[in-house]
PDB file of N, CA and C in Angstrom:
ATOM      1  N   SER A   1       6.745 -16.261  -0.164  1.00  0.00           N
ATOM      2  CA  SER A   1       7.389 -16.407  -1.392  1.00  0.00           C
ATOM      3  C   SER A   1       7.360 -17.838  -1.929  1.00  0.00           C
ATOM      4  N   GLN A   2       7.598 -18.798  -1.080  1.00  0.00           N
ATOM      5  CA  GLN A   2       7.383 -20.217  -1.425  1.00  0.00           C
ATOM      6  C   GLN A   2       8.030 -20.660  -2.784  1.00  0.00           C
ATOM      7  N   PRO A   3       9.288 -20.424  -3.003  1.00  0.00           N
ATOM      8  CA  PRO A   3       9.888 -20.928  -4.272  1.00  0.00           C
ATOM      9  C   PRO A   3       9.969 -22.418  -4.362  1.00  0.00           C
ATOM     10  N   ARG A   4       9.904 -22.933  -5.577  1.00  0.00           N
ATOM     11  CA  ARG A   4      10.051 -24.345  -5.777  1.00  0.00           C
ATOM     12  C   ARG A   4      11.494 -24.830  -5.686  1.00  0.00           C
ATOM     13  N   ASN A   5      12.428 -23.961  -5.952  1.00  0.00           N
ATOM     14  CA  ASN A   5      13.866 -24.293  -5.949  1.00  0.00           C
ATOM     15  C   ASN A   5      14.597 -23.078  -5.359  1.00  0.00           C
ATOM     16  N   VAL A   6      15.905 -23.282  -5.076  1.00  0.00           N
ATOM     17  CA  VAL A   6      16.799 -22.207  -4.717  1.00  0.00           C
ATOM     18  C   VAL A   6      16.748 -21.164  -5.828  1.00  0.00           C
ATOM     19  N   THR A   7      16.587 -19.893  -5.442  1.00  0.00           N
ATOM     20  CA  THR A   7      16.548 -18.855  -6.499  1.00  0.00           C
ATOM     21  C   THR A   7      16.917 -17.517  -5.877  1.00  0.00           C
ATOM     22  N   HIS A   8      16.921 -16.497  -6.564  1.00  0.00           N
ATOM     23  CA  HIS A   8      17.041 -15.140  -6.041  1.00  0.00           C
ATOM     24  C   HIS A   8      16.185 -14.152  -6.797  1.00  0.00           C
ATOM     25  N   ILE A   9      15.802 -13.062  -6.199  1.00  0.00           N
ATOM     26  CA  ILE A   9      14.991 -12.075  -6.804  1.00  0.00           C
ATOM     27  C   ILE A   9      15.847 -10.775  -6.996  1.00  0.00           C
ATOM     28  N   ARG A  10      15.650 -10.209  -8.139  1.00  0.00           N
ATOM     29  CA  ARG A  10      16.348  -8.890  -8.424  1.00  0.00           C
ATOM     30  C   ARG A  10      15.220  -7.890  -8.585  1.00  0.00           C
ATOM     31  N   VAL A  11      15.403  -6.753  -7.870  1.00  0.00           N
ATOM     32  CA  VAL A  11      14.428  -5.650  -7.962  1.00  0.00           C
ATOM     33  C   VAL A  11      15.184  -4.472  -8.584  1.00  0.00           C
ATOM     34  N   PHE A  12      14.581  -3.858  -9.541  1.00  0.00           N
ATOM     35  CA  PHE A  12      15.277  -2.734 -10.264  1.00  0.00           C
ATOM     36  C   PHE A  12      14.265  -1.885 -10.954  1.00  0.00           C
ATOM     37  N   PRO A  13      14.721  -0.599 -11.240  1.00  0.00           N
ATOM     38  CA  PRO A  13      13.819   0.280 -11.992  1.00  0.00           C
ATOM     39  C   PRO A  13      13.595  -0.222 -13.402  1.00  0.00           C
ATOM     40  N   THR A  14      12.357  -0.052 -13.900  1.00  0.00           N
ATOM     41  CA  THR A  14      12.102  -0.392 -15.260  1.00  0.00           C
ATOM     42  C   THR A  14      12.756   0.598 -16.203  1.00  0.00           C
ATOM     43  N   THR A  15      13.530   0.068 -17.158  1.00  0.00           N
ATOM     44  CA  THR A  15      14.168   0.923 -18.166  1.00  0.00           C
ATOM     45  C   THR A  15      13.880   0.472 -19.547  1.00  0.00           C
ATOM     46  N   VAL A  16      14.085   1.338 -20.557  1.00  0.00           N
ATOM     47  CA  VAL A  16      13.913   0.955 -21.955  1.00  0.00           C
ATOM     48  C   VAL A  16      15.175   1.345 -22.633  1.00  0.00           C
ATOM     49  N   PRO A  17      15.960   0.333 -23.121  1.00  0.00           N
ATOM     50  CA  PRO A  17      15.756  -1.057 -23.064  1.00  0.00           C
ATOM     51  C   PRO A  17      16.023  -1.583 -21.639  1.00  0.00           C
ATOM     52  N   ALA A  18      15.479  -2.761 -21.354  1.00  0.00           N
ATOM     53  CA  ALA A  18      15.603  -3.348 -20.027  1.00  0.00           C
ATOM     54  C   ALA A  18      17.100  -3.642 -19.675  1.00  0.00           C
ATOM     55  N   THR A  19      17.464  -3.389 -18.450  1.00  0.00           N
ATOM     56  CA  THR A  19      18.820  -3.653 -17.963  1.00  0.00           C
ATOM     57  C   THR A  19      18.699  -4.494 -16.683  1.00  0.00           C
ATOM     58  N   LEU A  20      19.144  -5.743 -16.657  1.00  0.00           N
ATOM     59  CA  LEU A  20      19.068  -6.549 -15.490  1.00  0.00           C
ATOM     60  C   LEU A  20      20.312  -6.363 -14.640  1.00  0.00           C
ATOM     61  N   PRO A  21      20.145  -5.980 -13.363  1.00  0.00           N
ATOM     62  CA  PRO A  21      21.229  -5.744 -12.509  1.00  0.00           C
ATOM     63  C   PRO A  21      22.017  -6.981 -12.181  1.00  0.00           C
ATOM     64  N   ASP A  22      23.306  -6.858 -11.740  1.00  0.00           N
ATOM     65  CA  ASP A  22      24.166  -7.979 -11.473  1.00  0.00           C
ATOM     66  C   ASP A  22      23.983  -8.460  -9.983  1.00  0.00           C
ATOM     67  N   VAL A  23      23.229  -7.713  -9.150  1.00  0.00           N
ATOM     68  CA  VAL A  23      23.068  -8.005  -7.705  1.00  0.00           C
ATOM     69  C   VAL A  23      21.677  -8.421  -7.353  1.00  0.00           C
ATOM     70  N   SER A  24      21.513  -9.464  -6.579  1.00  0.00           N
ATOM     71  CA  SER A  24      20.178  -9.870  -6.141  1.00  0.00           C
ATOM     72  C   SER A  24      19.698  -9.007  -4.909  1.00  0.00           C
ATOM     73  N   SER A  25      18.437  -8.918  -4.751  1.00  0.00           N
ATOM     74  CA  SER A  25      17.875  -8.166  -3.629  1.00  0.00           C
ATOM     75  C   SER A  25      17.365  -9.089  -2.530  1.00  0.00           C
ATOM     76  N   LEU A  26      17.136 -10.403  -2.952  1.00  0.00           N
ATOM     77  CA  LEU A  26      16.637 -11.408  -1.930  1.00  0.00           C
ATOM     78  C   LEU A  26      16.984 -12.747  -2.400  1.00  0.00           C
ATOM     79  N   ASN A  27      17.634 -13.587  -1.546  1.00  0.00           N
ATOM     80  CA  ASN A  27      17.971 -14.986  -1.855  1.00  0.00           C
ATOM     81  C   ASN A  27      16.957 -15.902  -1.204  1.00  0.00           C
ATOM     82  N   LEU A  28      16.404 -16.863  -1.957  1.00  0.00           N
ATOM     83  CA  LEU A  28      15.367 -17.702  -1.379  1.00  0.00           C
ATOM     84  C   LEU A  28      15.732 -19.173  -1.495  1.00  0.00           C
ATOM     85  N   VAL A  29      15.198 -19.973  -0.551  1.00  0.00           N
ATOM     86  CA  VAL A  29      15.289 -21.409  -0.528  1.00  0.00           C
ATOM     87  C   VAL A  29      13.905 -22.027  -0.495  1.00  0.00           C
ATOM     88  N   PRO A  30      13.716 -23.244  -1.014  1.00  0.00           N
ATOM     89  CA  PRO A  30      12.388 -23.856  -1.061  1.00  0.00           C
ATOM     90  C   PRO A  30      11.700 -23.974   0.309  1.00  0.00           C
ATOM     91  N   GLY A  31      10.441 -23.797   0.365  1.00  0.00           N
ATOM     92  CA  GLY A  31       9.633 -24.006   1.512  1.00  0.00           C
ATOM     93  C   GLY A  31       9.696 -22.967   2.591  1.00  0.00           C
ATOM     94  N   ARG A  32      10.362 -21.854   2.341  1.00  0.00           N
ATOM     95  CA  ARG A  32      10.499 -20.776   3.376  1.00  0.00           C
ATOM     96  C   ARG A  32       9.924 -19.449   2.828  1.00  0.00           C
ATOM     97  N   ASP A  33       9.194 -18.746   3.570  1.00  0.00           N
ATOM     98  CA  ASP A  33       8.742 -17.439   3.260  1.00  0.00           C
ATOM     99  C   ASP A  33       9.851 -16.453   3.805  1.00  0.00           C
ATOM    100  N   GLU A  34      10.234 -15.441   3.075  1.00  0.00           N
ATOM    101  CA  GLU A  34      11.220 -14.442   3.497  1.00  0.00           C
ATOM    102  C   GLU A  34      10.757 -13.090   3.387  1.00  0.00           C
ATOM    103  N   ALA A  35      11.133 -12.238   4.239  1.00  0.00           N
ATOM    104  CA  ALA A  35      10.772 -10.787   4.171  1.00  0.00           C
ATOM    105  C   ALA A  35      12.090 -10.077   3.890  1.00  0.00           C
ATOM    106  N   ASN A  36      11.978  -8.963   3.159  1.00  0.00           N
ATOM    107  CA  ASN A  36      13.103  -8.118   2.844  1.00  0.00           C
ATOM    108  C   ASN A  36      12.682  -6.681   2.605  1.00  0.00           C
ATOM    109  N   LEU A  37      13.646  -5.783   2.755  1.00  0.00           N
ATOM    110  CA  LEU A  37      13.445  -4.367   2.411  1.00  0.00           C
ATOM    111  C   LEU A  37      14.477  -4.000   1.335  1.00  0.00           C
ATOM    112  N   SER A  38      13.982  -3.430   0.253  1.00  0.00           N
ATOM    113  CA  SER A  38      14.829  -2.990  -0.831  1.00  0.00           C
ATOM    114  C   SER A  38      14.491  -1.534  -1.189  1.00  0.00           C
ATOM    115  N   ILE A  39      15.489  -0.728  -1.193  1.00  0.00           N
ATOM    116  CA  ILE A  39      15.297   0.671  -1.621  1.00  0.00           C
ATOM    117  C   ILE A  39      15.844   0.831  -2.985  1.00  0.00           C
ATOM    118  N   THR A  40      14.962   1.116  -3.924  1.00  0.00           N
ATOM    119  CA  THR A  40      15.331   1.137  -5.401  1.00  0.00           C
ATOM    120  C   THR A  40      14.717   2.362  -6.068  1.00  0.00           C
ATOM    121  N   ARG A  41      15.445   2.870  -7.066  1.00  0.00           N
ATOM    122  CA  ARG A  41      14.927   3.995  -7.829  1.00  0.00           C
ATOM    123  C   ARG A  41      13.686   3.567  -8.617  1.00  0.00           C
ATOM    124  N   ILE A  42      12.827   4.438  -8.892  1.00  0.00           N
ATOM    125  CA  ILE A  42      11.719   4.278  -9.775  1.00  0.00           C
ATOM    126  C   ILE A  42      12.124   4.423 -11.167  1.00  0.00           C
ATOM    127  N   GLY A  43      11.601   3.539 -12.019  1.00  0.00           N
ATOM    128  CA  GLY A  43      12.052   3.589 -13.509  1.00  0.00           C
ATOM    129  C   GLY A  43      11.036   4.349 -14.367  1.00  0.00           C
ATOM    130  N   ALA A  44      11.162   4.058 -15.672  1.00  0.00           N
ATOM    131  CA  ALA A  44      10.321   4.672 -16.745  1.00  0.00           C
ATOM    132  C   ALA A  44       8.890   4.531 -16.356  1.00  0.00           C
ATOM    133  N   GLY A  45       8.154   5.640 -16.416  1.00  0.00           N
ATOM    134  CA  GLY A  45       6.714   5.661 -16.129  1.00  0.00           C
ATOM    135  C   GLY A  45       6.340   5.303 -14.700  1.00  0.00           C
ATOM    136  N   GLY A  46       7.326   5.421 -13.747  1.00  0.00           N
ATOM    137  CA  GLY A  46       7.061   5.141 -12.335  1.00  0.00           C
ATOM    138  C   GLY A  46       6.964   3.645 -12.119  1.00  0.00           C
ATOM    139  N   LYS A  47       7.602   2.830 -12.861  1.00  0.00           N
ATOM    140  CA  LYS A  47       7.474   1.302 -12.751  1.00  0.00           C
ATOM    141  C   LYS A  47       8.697   0.686 -12.187  1.00  0.00           C
ATOM    142  N   MET A  48       8.531  -0.450 -11.587  1.00  0.00           N
ATOM    143  CA  MET A  48       9.591  -1.289 -10.997  1.00  0.00           C
ATOM    144  C   MET A  48       9.548  -2.620 -11.688  1.00  0.00           C
ATOM    145  N   SER A  49      10.684  -3.264 -11.759  1.00  0.00           N
ATOM    146  CA  SER A  49      10.716  -4.642 -12.397  1.00  0.00           C
ATOM    147  C   SER A  49      11.227  -5.643 -11.302  1.00  0.00           C
ATOM    148  N   PHE A  50      10.710  -6.869 -11.394  1.00  0.00           N
ATOM    149  CA  PHE A  50      11.097  -7.976 -10.492  1.00  0.00           C
ATOM    150  C   PHE A  50      11.414  -9.195 -11.362  1.00  0.00           C
ATOM    151  N   TYR A  51      12.599  -9.717 -11.044  1.00  0.00           N
ATOM    152  CA  TYR A  51      13.149 -10.869 -11.770  1.00  0.00           C
ATOM    153  C   TYR A  51      13.475 -12.020 -10.903  1.00  0.00           C
ATOM    154  N   THR A  52      12.914 -13.233 -11.072  1.00  0.00           N
ATOM    155  CA  THR A  52      13.273 -14.402 -10.379  1.00  0.00           C
ATOM    156  C   THR A  52      14.182 -15.260 -11.281  1.00  0.00           C
ATOM    157  N   HIS A  53      15.293 -15.704 -10.699  1.00  0.00           N
ATOM    158  CA  HIS A  53      16.378 -16.362 -11.520  1.00  0.00           C
ATOM    159  C   HIS A  53      16.023 -17.781 -11.997  1.00  0.00           C
ATOM    160  N   THR A  54      15.674 -18.700 -11.087  1.00  0.00           N
ATOM    161  CA  THR A  54      15.568 -20.057 -11.460  1.00  0.00           C
ATOM    162  C   THR A  54      14.302 -20.794 -11.099  1.00  0.00           C
ATOM    163  N   ALA A  55      13.328 -20.135 -10.400  1.00  0.00           N
ATOM    164  CA  ALA A  55      12.135 -20.803  -9.978  1.00  0.00           C
ATOM    165  C   ALA A  55      10.963 -19.936  -9.882  1.00  0.00           C
ATOM    166  N   ASP A  56       9.748 -20.518 -10.142  1.00  0.00           N
ATOM    167  CA  ASP A  56       8.509 -19.764  -9.955  1.00  0.00           C
ATOM    168  C   ASP A  56       8.348 -19.445  -8.522  1.00  0.00           C
ATOM    169  N   THR A  57       7.875 -18.241  -8.177  1.00  0.00           N
ATOM    170  CA  THR A  57       7.648 -17.904  -6.805  1.00  0.00           C
ATOM    171  C   THR A  57       6.486 -16.906  -6.696  1.00  0.00           C
ATOM    172  N   HIS A  58       5.983 -16.715  -5.521  1.00  0.00           N
ATOM    173  CA  HIS A  58       4.898 -15.745  -5.301  1.00  0.00           C
ATOM    174  C   HIS A  58       5.510 -14.528  -4.639  1.00  0.00           C
ATOM    175  N   LEU A  59       5.212 -13.332  -5.101  1.00  0.00           N
ATOM    176  CA  LEU A  59       5.786 -12.120  -4.508  1.00  0.00           C
ATOM    177  C   LEU A  59       4.628 -11.223  -4.064  1.00  0.00           C
ATOM    178  N   ILE A  60       4.765 -10.703  -2.846  1.00  0.00           N
ATOM    179  CA  ILE A  60       3.888  -9.588  -2.377  1.00  0.00           C
ATOM    180  C   ILE A  60       4.713  -8.420  -2.214  1.00  0.00           C
ATOM    181  N   VAL A  61       4.346  -7.296  -2.818  1.00  0.00           N
ATOM    182  CA  VAL A  61       5.156  -6.085  -2.761  1.00  0.00           C
ATOM    183  C   VAL A  61       4.300  -4.933  -2.157  1.00  0.00           C
ATOM    184  N   ASP A  62       4.948  -4.324  -1.089  1.00  0.00           N
ATOM    185  CA  ASP A  62       4.308  -3.151  -0.465  1.00  0.00           C
ATOM    186  C   ASP A  62       5.219  -1.954  -0.824  1.00  0.00           C
ATOM    187  N   VAL A  63       4.635  -0.913  -1.291  1.00  0.00           N
ATOM    188  CA  VAL A  63       5.320   0.342  -1.560  1.00  0.00           C
ATOM    189  C   VAL A  63       5.014   1.266  -0.444  1.00  0.00           C
ATOM    190  N   SER A  64       6.021   1.792   0.334  1.00  0.00           N
ATOM    191  CA  SER A  64       5.750   2.576   1.468  1.00  0.00           C
ATOM    192  C   SER A  64       6.129   4.047   1.256  1.00  0.00           C
ATOM    193  N   GLY A  65       6.517   4.361   0.079  1.00  0.00           N
ATOM    194  CA  GLY A  65       6.815   5.790  -0.216  1.00  0.00           C
ATOM    195  C   GLY A  65       7.954   5.950  -1.236  1.00  0.00           C
ATOM    196  N   TYR A  66       8.286   7.176  -1.531  1.00  0.00           N
ATOM    197  CA  TYR A  66       9.380   7.401  -2.431  1.00  0.00           C
ATOM    198  C   TYR A  66       9.992   8.765  -2.136  1.00  0.00           C
ATOM    199  N   PHE A  67      11.189   8.976  -2.636  1.00  0.00           N
ATOM    200  CA  PHE A  67      11.957  10.193  -2.491  1.00  0.00           C
ATOM    201  C   PHE A  67      11.944  10.952  -3.756  1.00  0.00           C
ATOM    202  N   ARG A  68      11.924  12.244  -3.708  1.00  0.00           N
ATOM    203  CA  ARG A  68      11.987  13.127  -4.818  1.00  0.00           C
ATOM    204  C   ARG A  68      13.356  13.663  -4.878  1.00  0.00           C
ATOM    205  N   LYS A  69      13.837  14.011  -6.082  1.00  0.00           N
ATOM    206  CA  LYS A  69      15.186  14.609  -6.212  1.00  0.00           C
ATOM    207  C   LYS A  69      15.104  16.095  -5.805  1.00  0.00           C
TER     208      LYS A  69
END
């Protein structure tokens, strides 16, 4: 992830209009790579959204499956 500053990532289903959640999925500090697991609903068109609050960062995302209703 290697953020330049302290930041957090929010992972959420893509919606129209967009709705940013109040809770972070991962908190990051500069110079450290962090791993995390987030279970999130799939949004419009099968898409997910990722938001970083205060710093540029690199994200690698692996999708390991999904649940059907």
